[in-house]
Amino acid sequence: MPGLLIIAHAPLASALKAVAQHAFPECAAPLEALDVAPDMTPEEVEAMARELLRQVRSPDALVFTDVFGATPCNVAQRLADGQQVKVVAGVNVPMLWRSLCYLDEGLDAVIARATAGATQGVMQVATTRPQLQSVKPGGHDQVDPHHQQ
């Protein structure tokens, strides 16, 4: 079962860890988070990330980052070996939840589930709102006056 590490701009990593613990407290044990503050050097981030990665690896680990090309992702790429430690950028809640639910499937399967969850979790939501029309006495539906169209 792979461990999970989130490296993201502060406070996103810890917020995602908190939402994971809230929704799936029994599955969130192999999850750690590293918030990257604006004043941290890449070397500081890497040292902290290596320690957290050491804690979650069993022996595999998946590292989530928020934005490809930013410091959290660049550090995560230094940690990855392409075999037992892999990186996925663009972390979101559906990705994280899907990963937690399928950790028993192995690293490559978890990555497939994570990316599917991420893309399937992004959708435009209808903006239809209930219309608050007042009921007018003597309307066209005398049997059910609340059924005005």
N, C-alpha and C. Protein backbone atom coordinates (compact mmCIF):
# COMPACT_ATOMS: atom_id res chain seq x y z
N MET A 1 0.85 -1.18 0.00
CA MET A 1 0.00 0.00 0.00
C MET A 1 0.89 1.24 0.00
N PRO A 2 0.77 2.07 -1.02
CA PRO A 2 1.62 3.27 -1.08
C PRO A 2 1.22 4.31 -0.05
N GLY A 3 2.22 5.05 0.39
CA GLY A 3 1.96 6.20 1.24
C GLY A 3 1.68 7.40 0.36
N LEU A 4 1.09 8.42 0.93
CA LEU A 4 0.75 9.64 0.18
C LEU A 4 1.37 10.85 0.86
N LEU A 5 1.92 11.74 0.04
CA LEU A 5 2.48 13.00 0.52
C LEU A 5 1.96 14.11 -0.36
N ILE A 6 1.45 15.16 0.25
CA ILE A 6 1.00 16.33 -0.48
C ILE A 6 2.01 17.44 -0.21
N ILE A 7 2.56 18.01 -1.29
CA ILE A 7 3.45 19.17 -1.18
C ILE A 7 2.78 20.27 -1.99
N ALA A 8 2.38 21.34 -1.30
CA ALA A 8 1.65 22.40 -1.99
C ALA A 8 1.87 23.73 -1.30
N HIS A 9 1.52 24.79 -2.01
CA HIS A 9 1.61 26.13 -1.43
C HIS A 9 0.72 26.22 -0.19
N ALA A 10 1.25 26.86 0.85
CA ALA A 10 0.51 27.00 2.12
C ALA A 10 -0.76 27.80 1.88
N PRO A 11 -1.85 27.41 2.47
CA PRO A 11 -2.12 26.30 3.38
C PRO A 11 -2.79 25.11 2.71
N LEU A 12 -2.64 24.97 1.39
CA LEU A 12 -3.37 23.96 0.64
C LEU A 12 -3.07 22.53 1.09
N ALA A 13 -1.81 22.20 1.29
CA ALA A 13 -1.47 20.82 1.65
C ALA A 13 -2.14 20.39 2.95
N SER A 14 -2.03 21.22 3.98
CA SER A 14 -2.65 20.85 5.26
C SER A 14 -4.18 20.88 5.18
N ALA A 15 -4.73 21.76 4.36
CA ALA A 15 -6.19 21.79 4.18
C ALA A 15 -6.67 20.52 3.50
N LEU A 16 -5.95 20.06 2.49
CA LEU A 16 -6.34 18.82 1.83
C LEU A 16 -6.20 17.62 2.77
N LYS A 17 -5.16 17.62 3.57
CA LYS A 17 -5.01 16.54 4.55
C LYS A 17 -6.18 16.56 5.54
N ALA A 18 -6.58 17.74 5.97
CA ALA A 18 -7.70 17.85 6.91
C ALA A 18 -9.00 17.35 6.29
N VAL A 19 -9.23 17.67 5.03
CA VAL A 19 -10.46 17.22 4.38
C VAL A 19 -10.42 15.70 4.18
N ALA A 20 -9.25 15.15 3.94
CA ALA A 20 -9.12 13.70 3.82
C ALA A 20 -9.41 13.02 5.16
N GLN A 21 -8.87 13.58 6.23
CA GLN A 21 -9.11 13.01 7.56
C GLN A 21 -10.57 13.15 7.97
N HIS A 22 -11.21 14.21 7.53
CA HIS A 22 -12.62 14.42 7.84
C HIS A 22 -13.50 13.38 7.13
N ALA A 23 -13.24 13.17 5.83
CA ALA A 23 -14.09 12.28 5.05
C ALA A 23 -13.74 10.80 5.23
N PHE A 24 -12.47 10.49 5.36
CA PHE A 24 -12.01 9.11 5.45
C PHE A 24 -11.00 8.95 6.57
N PRO A 25 -11.43 9.13 7.82
CA PRO A 25 -10.45 9.09 8.93
C PRO A 25 -9.73 7.75 9.04
N GLU A 26 -10.38 6.65 8.68
CA GLU A 26 -9.75 5.34 8.79
C GLU A 26 -8.72 5.09 7.70
N CYS A 27 -8.77 5.86 6.61
CA CYS A 27 -7.85 5.66 5.47
C CYS A 27 -6.73 6.69 5.41
N ALA A 28 -6.81 7.73 6.21
CA ALA A 28 -5.88 8.86 6.07
C ALA A 28 -4.56 8.68 6.82
N ALA A 29 -4.34 7.54 7.44
CA ALA A 29 -3.10 7.34 8.19
C ALA A 29 -1.84 7.44 7.34
N PRO A 30 -1.83 6.90 6.10
CA PRO A 30 -0.59 6.97 5.32
C PRO A 30 -0.44 8.28 4.55
N LEU A 31 -0.99 9.36 5.07
CA LEU A 31 -1.00 10.65 4.38
C LEU A 31 -0.28 11.71 5.21
N GLU A 32 0.64 12.41 4.57
CA GLU A 32 1.32 13.53 5.20
C GLU A 32 1.22 14.74 4.28
N ALA A 33 1.41 15.92 4.84
CA ALA A 33 1.28 17.16 4.08
C ALA A 33 2.42 18.11 4.42
N LEU A 34 2.86 18.82 3.40
CA LEU A 34 3.90 19.84 3.58
C LEU A 34 3.43 21.12 2.92
N ASP A 35 3.16 22.12 3.74
CA ASP A 35 2.79 23.45 3.25
C ASP A 35 4.07 24.22 2.95
N VAL A 36 4.17 24.73 1.74
CA VAL A 36 5.34 25.49 1.32
C VAL A 36 5.04 26.97 1.51
N ALA A 37 5.74 27.57 2.45
CA ALA A 37 5.57 29.00 2.74
C ALA A 37 6.37 29.82 1.73
N PRO A 38 5.95 31.06 1.49
CA PRO A 38 6.63 31.89 0.50
C PRO A 38 8.11 32.15 0.80
N ASP A 39 8.49 32.13 2.07
CA ASP A 39 9.88 32.44 2.42
C ASP A 39 10.78 31.20 2.51
N MET A 40 10.27 30.03 2.19
CA MET A 40 11.08 28.81 2.25
C MET A 40 11.92 28.67 0.99
N THR A 41 13.16 28.23 1.17
CA THR A 41 14.01 27.95 0.02
C THR A 41 13.68 26.55 -0.51
N PRO A 42 13.97 26.30 -1.76
CA PRO A 42 13.76 24.95 -2.29
C PRO A 42 14.52 23.88 -1.49
N GLU A 43 15.69 24.24 -1.00
CA GLU A 43 16.48 23.29 -0.21
C GLU A 43 15.78 22.94 1.11
N GLU A 44 15.19 23.94 1.76
CA GLU A 44 14.44 23.69 2.99
C GLU A 44 13.23 22.81 2.71
N VAL A 45 12.53 23.11 1.64
CA VAL A 45 11.35 22.32 1.28
C VAL A 45 11.76 20.88 1.00
N GLU A 46 12.84 20.71 0.26
CA GLU A 46 13.30 19.36 -0.07
C GLU A 46 13.69 18.57 1.18
N ALA A 47 14.39 19.19 2.11
CA ALA A 47 14.78 18.49 3.34
C ALA A 47 13.56 18.05 4.13
N MET A 48 12.58 18.93 4.26
CA MET A 48 11.36 18.58 4.99
C MET A 48 10.57 17.50 4.24
N ALA A 49 10.51 17.62 2.93
CA ALA A 49 9.78 16.64 2.12
C ALA A 49 10.42 15.27 2.21
N ARG A 50 11.73 15.21 2.19
CA ARG A 50 12.43 13.92 2.29
C ARG A 50 12.12 13.23 3.62
N GLU A 51 12.06 14.00 4.69
CA GLU A 51 11.72 13.41 5.99
C GLU A 51 10.30 12.88 6.01
N LEU A 52 9.36 13.65 5.49
CA LEU A 52 7.96 13.19 5.44
C LEU A 52 7.81 11.99 4.52
N LEU A 53 8.50 12.00 3.41
CA LEU A 53 8.45 10.87 2.49
C LEU A 53 8.99 9.62 3.15
N ARG A 54 10.04 9.75 3.90
CA ARG A 54 10.60 8.61 4.64
C ARG A 54 9.55 8.02 5.59
N GLN A 55 8.72 8.87 6.18
CA GLN A 55 7.69 8.42 7.11
C GLN A 55 6.54 7.69 6.42
N VAL A 56 6.18 8.10 5.20
CA VAL A 56 5.00 7.50 4.56
C VAL A 56 5.31 6.34 3.62
N ARG A 57 6.54 6.23 3.14
CA ARG A 57 6.88 5.15 2.19
C ARG A 57 6.70 3.79 2.82
N SER A 58 6.17 2.87 2.00
CA SER A 58 5.96 1.53 2.54
C SER A 58 6.00 0.42 1.47
N PRO A 59 6.88 0.26 0.58
CA PRO A 59 8.00 1.11 0.22
C PRO A 59 7.64 2.16 -0.84
N ASP A 60 6.41 2.06 -1.38
CA ASP A 60 6.00 3.00 -2.43
C ASP A 60 5.37 4.25 -1.85
N ALA A 61 5.39 5.32 -2.66
CA ALA A 61 4.73 6.56 -2.25
C ALA A 61 4.30 7.33 -3.49
N LEU A 62 3.20 8.01 -3.34
CA LEU A 62 2.70 8.92 -4.36
C LEU A 62 2.75 10.33 -3.79
N VAL A 63 3.38 11.23 -4.52
CA VAL A 63 3.50 12.62 -4.07
C VAL A 63 2.58 13.47 -4.94
N PHE A 64 1.66 14.16 -4.29
CA PHE A 64 0.77 15.09 -4.97
C PHE A 64 1.32 16.51 -4.83
N THR A 65 1.23 17.29 -5.89
CA THR A 65 1.59 18.70 -5.83
C THR A 65 0.46 19.52 -6.44
N ASP A 66 0.48 20.81 -6.18
CA ASP A 66 -0.61 21.64 -6.66
C ASP A 66 -0.43 22.12 -8.08
N VAL A 67 0.74 22.65 -8.43
CA VAL A 67 0.94 23.27 -9.74
C VAL A 67 2.23 22.78 -10.38
N PHE A 68 2.12 22.25 -11.58
CA PHE A 68 3.32 21.83 -12.29
C PHE A 68 4.21 23.04 -12.55
N GLY A 69 5.51 22.87 -12.30
CA GLY A 69 6.48 23.93 -12.57
C GLY A 69 6.76 24.85 -11.40
N ALA A 70 5.95 24.79 -10.35
CA ALA A 70 6.18 25.62 -9.17
C ALA A 70 7.09 24.87 -8.19
N THR A 71 7.54 25.56 -7.17
CA THR A 71 8.48 24.97 -6.21
C THR A 71 8.01 23.64 -5.64
N PRO A 72 6.76 23.51 -5.18
CA PRO A 72 6.35 22.20 -4.64
C PRO A 72 6.53 21.06 -5.65
N CYS A 73 6.19 21.30 -6.88
CA CYS A 73 6.34 20.27 -7.91
C CYS A 73 7.81 20.01 -8.25
N ASN A 74 8.57 21.07 -8.33
CA ASN A 74 10.00 20.90 -8.61
C ASN A 74 10.69 20.07 -7.53
N VAL A 75 10.34 20.32 -6.28
CA VAL A 75 10.89 19.52 -5.18
C VAL A 75 10.42 18.08 -5.27
N ALA A 76 9.13 17.89 -5.55
CA ALA A 76 8.59 16.53 -5.66
C ALA A 76 9.29 15.75 -6.75
N GLN A 77 9.62 16.41 -7.85
CA GLN A 77 10.32 15.73 -8.93
C GLN A 77 11.72 15.26 -8.51
N ARG A 78 12.34 15.99 -7.59
CA ARG A 78 13.64 15.57 -7.07
C ARG A 78 13.52 14.32 -6.21
N LEU A 79 12.35 14.14 -5.59
CA LEU A 79 12.13 12.98 -4.72
C LEU A 79 11.77 11.73 -5.51
N ALA A 80 11.20 11.92 -6.67
CA ALA A 80 10.69 10.80 -7.46
C ALA A 80 11.82 10.00 -8.09
N ASP A 81 11.62 8.68 -8.10
CA ASP A 81 12.57 7.82 -8.79
C ASP A 81 11.91 7.12 -9.97
N GLY A 82 10.62 7.35 -10.18
CA GLY A 82 9.91 6.74 -11.29
C GLY A 82 9.53 5.29 -11.07
N GLN A 83 9.96 4.73 -9.97
CA GLN A 83 9.67 3.33 -9.65
C GLN A 83 8.79 3.23 -8.41
N GLN A 84 9.37 3.62 -7.27
CA GLN A 84 8.65 3.51 -6.01
C GLN A 84 8.10 4.84 -5.53
N VAL A 85 8.57 5.93 -6.08
CA VAL A 85 8.06 7.26 -5.73
C VAL A 85 7.69 7.96 -7.02
N LYS A 86 6.40 8.30 -7.16
CA LYS A 86 5.92 8.96 -8.37
C LYS A 86 5.17 10.23 -7.98
N VAL A 87 5.05 11.15 -8.93
CA VAL A 87 4.46 12.46 -8.67
C VAL A 87 3.28 12.70 -9.60
N VAL A 88 2.23 13.29 -9.05
CA VAL A 88 1.08 13.74 -9.83
C VAL A 88 0.81 15.19 -9.44
N ALA A 89 0.78 16.07 -10.44
CA ALA A 89 0.50 17.49 -10.20
C ALA A 89 -0.98 17.77 -10.44
N GLY A 90 -1.46 18.85 -9.82
CA GLY A 90 -2.85 19.27 -9.98
C GLY A 90 -3.78 18.67 -8.95
N VAL A 91 -3.28 18.44 -7.76
CA VAL A 91 -4.07 17.77 -6.72
C VAL A 91 -5.38 18.51 -6.45
N ASN A 92 -6.43 17.73 -6.28
CA ASN A 92 -7.73 18.28 -5.86
C ASN A 92 -8.41 17.27 -4.95
N VAL A 93 -9.54 17.65 -4.39
CA VAL A 93 -10.21 16.78 -3.41
C VAL A 93 -10.67 15.46 -4.03
N PRO A 94 -11.34 15.45 -5.19
CA PRO A 94 -11.75 14.15 -5.75
C PRO A 94 -10.56 13.22 -6.00
N MET A 95 -9.45 13.77 -6.44
CA MET A 95 -8.24 12.97 -6.66
C MET A 95 -7.77 12.34 -5.35
N LEU A 96 -7.73 13.14 -4.33
CA LEU A 96 -7.25 12.66 -3.03
C LEU A 96 -8.18 11.61 -2.46
N TRP A 97 -9.46 11.86 -2.49
CA TRP A 97 -10.42 10.88 -1.95
C TRP A 97 -10.36 9.57 -2.71
N ARG A 98 -10.27 9.65 -4.03
CA ARG A 98 -10.20 8.43 -4.83
C ARG A 98 -8.94 7.65 -4.46
N SER A 99 -7.84 8.34 -4.28
CA SER A 99 -6.58 7.67 -3.92
C SER A 99 -6.71 6.96 -2.58
N LEU A 100 -7.29 7.63 -1.61
CA LEU A 100 -7.43 7.04 -0.29
C LEU A 100 -8.29 5.77 -0.32
N CYS A 101 -9.29 5.77 -1.17
CA CYS A 101 -10.21 4.63 -1.24
C CYS A 101 -9.62 3.41 -1.94
N TYR A 102 -8.56 3.61 -2.71
CA TYR A 102 -8.00 2.51 -3.49
C TYR A 102 -6.52 2.26 -3.22
N LEU A 103 -6.06 2.61 -2.04
CA LEU A 103 -4.64 2.44 -1.71
C LEU A 103 -4.19 0.99 -1.74
N ASP A 104 -5.08 0.06 -1.58
CA ASP A 104 -4.71 -1.35 -1.57
C ASP A 104 -4.42 -1.90 -2.96
N GLU A 105 -4.58 -1.09 -4.01
CA GLU A 105 -4.39 -1.57 -5.38
C GLU A 105 -2.97 -1.38 -5.91
N GLY A 106 -2.09 -0.79 -5.19
CA GLY A 106 -0.73 -0.59 -5.68
C GLY A 106 -0.55 0.77 -6.32
N LEU A 107 0.71 1.18 -6.46
CA LEU A 107 1.04 2.54 -6.85
C LEU A 107 0.50 2.94 -8.22
N ASP A 108 0.74 2.14 -9.25
CA ASP A 108 0.28 2.52 -10.58
C ASP A 108 -1.24 2.57 -10.68
N ALA A 109 -1.91 1.65 -10.02
CA ALA A 109 -3.38 1.66 -10.02
C ALA A 109 -3.91 2.88 -9.26
N VAL A 110 -3.26 3.24 -8.18
CA VAL A 110 -3.68 4.42 -7.42
C VAL A 110 -3.51 5.68 -8.27
N ILE A 111 -2.44 5.75 -9.03
CA ILE A 111 -2.23 6.90 -9.91
C ILE A 111 -3.33 6.97 -10.96
N ALA A 112 -3.69 5.85 -11.55
CA ALA A 112 -4.76 5.82 -12.53
C ALA A 112 -6.09 6.25 -11.90
N ARG A 113 -6.37 5.76 -10.72
CA ARG A 113 -7.59 6.14 -10.01
C ARG A 113 -7.58 7.63 -9.66
N ALA A 114 -6.43 8.11 -9.22
CA ALA A 114 -6.30 9.52 -8.83
C ALA A 114 -6.56 10.45 -10.00
N THR A 115 -5.93 10.17 -11.14
CA THR A 115 -6.10 11.06 -12.29
C THR A 115 -7.52 10.97 -12.84
N ALA A 116 -8.12 9.79 -12.80
CA ALA A 116 -9.52 9.66 -13.22
C ALA A 116 -10.43 10.44 -12.28
N GLY A 117 -10.20 10.32 -10.99
CA GLY A 117 -11.00 11.06 -10.01
C GLY A 117 -10.87 12.56 -10.18
N ALA A 118 -9.66 12.99 -10.49
CA ALA A 118 -9.42 14.43 -10.67
C ALA A 118 -10.20 14.97 -11.85
N THR A 119 -10.12 14.28 -12.97
CA THR A 119 -10.80 14.79 -14.17
C THR A 119 -12.31 14.61 -14.09
N GLN A 120 -12.76 13.51 -13.51
CA GLN A 120 -14.20 13.29 -13.39
C GLN A 120 -14.82 14.20 -12.33
N GLY A 121 -14.01 14.69 -11.43
CA GLY A 121 -14.52 15.57 -10.38
C GLY A 121 -14.63 17.02 -10.80
N VAL A 122 -14.14 17.34 -12.00
CA VAL A 122 -14.22 18.71 -12.51
C VAL A 122 -15.35 18.77 -13.53
N MET A 123 -16.35 19.56 -13.24
CA MET A 123 -17.49 19.68 -14.14
C MET A 123 -18.21 20.99 -13.91
N GLN A 124 -18.85 21.46 -14.93
CA GLN A 124 -19.69 22.64 -14.77
C GLN A 124 -20.98 22.20 -14.11
N VAL A 125 -21.40 22.94 -13.11
CA VAL A 125 -22.60 22.63 -12.37
C VAL A 125 -23.71 23.57 -12.83
N ALA A 126 -24.89 23.01 -13.02
CA ALA A 126 -26.02 23.83 -13.47
C ALA A 126 -26.29 24.95 -12.47
N THR A 127 -26.65 26.09 -13.01
CA THR A 127 -26.91 27.25 -12.15
C THR A 127 -28.39 27.51 -11.99
N THR A 128 -29.20 26.52 -12.32
CA THR A 128 -30.64 26.69 -12.18
C THR A 128 -31.00 26.88 -10.72
N ARG A 129 -31.81 27.89 -10.48
CA ARG A 129 -32.24 28.18 -9.12
C ARG A 129 -33.76 28.11 -9.07
N PRO A 130 -34.31 27.74 -7.96
CA PRO A 130 -35.77 27.75 -7.86
C PRO A 130 -36.28 29.18 -8.02
N GLN A 131 -37.32 29.30 -8.76
CA GLN A 131 -37.89 30.62 -8.96
C GLN A 131 -38.91 30.89 -7.86
N LEU A 132 -38.74 32.00 -7.21
CA LEU A 132 -39.62 32.36 -6.10
C LEU A 132 -40.73 33.27 -6.63
N GLN A 133 -41.70 32.62 -7.23
CA GLN A 133 -42.84 33.37 -7.77
C GLN A 133 -43.93 33.38 -6.73
N SER A 134 -44.54 34.51 -6.59
CA SER A 134 -45.64 34.59 -5.63
C SER A 134 -46.88 33.92 -6.22
N VAL A 135 -47.67 33.31 -5.33
CA VAL A 135 -48.91 32.66 -5.75
C VAL A 135 -49.99 33.73 -5.84
N LYS A 136 -50.64 33.79 -7.00
CA LYS A 136 -51.70 34.77 -7.20
C LYS A 136 -53.05 34.08 -7.05
N PRO A 137 -53.90 34.58 -6.19
CA PRO A 137 -55.23 33.98 -6.05
C PRO A 137 -55.96 34.03 -7.38
N GLY A 138 -56.69 32.95 -7.64
CA GLY A 138 -57.48 32.91 -8.86
C GLY A 138 -56.66 32.56 -10.08
N GLY A 139 -55.50 31.96 -9.85
CA GLY A 139 -54.65 31.56 -10.98
C GLY A 139 -55.27 30.43 -11.78
N HIS A 140 -54.56 29.93 -12.72
CA HIS A 140 -55.12 28.94 -13.63
C HIS A 140 -55.29 27.56 -13.02
N ASP A 141 -54.67 27.23 -11.92
CA ASP A 141 -54.81 25.92 -11.32
C ASP A 141 -55.55 26.06 -10.00
N GLN A 142 -56.85 25.89 -10.06
CA GLN A 142 -57.68 26.06 -8.87
C GLN A 142 -57.60 24.87 -7.93
N VAL A 143 -57.27 23.68 -8.46
CA VAL A 143 -57.17 22.48 -7.62
C VAL A 143 -55.94 22.55 -6.72
N ASP A 144 -54.84 22.95 -7.27
CA ASP A 144 -53.59 23.08 -6.51
C ASP A 144 -53.04 24.47 -6.75
N PRO A 145 -53.43 25.43 -5.91
CA PRO A 145 -53.04 26.82 -6.15
C PRO A 145 -51.52 27.04 -6.05
N HIS A 146 -50.78 26.08 -5.47
CA HIS A 146 -49.33 26.24 -5.36
C HIS A 146 -48.62 25.72 -6.60
N HIS A 147 -49.37 25.25 -7.55
CA HIS A 147 -48.80 24.72 -8.79
C HIS A 147 -48.97 25.72 -9.92
N GLN A 148 -48.44 26.88 -9.72
CA GLN A 148 -48.52 27.93 -10.76
C GLN A 148 -47.32 27.81 -11.67
N GLN A 149 -47.51 27.90 -12.94
CA GLN A 149 -46.43 27.82 -13.90
C GLN A 149 -46.09 29.18 -14.43
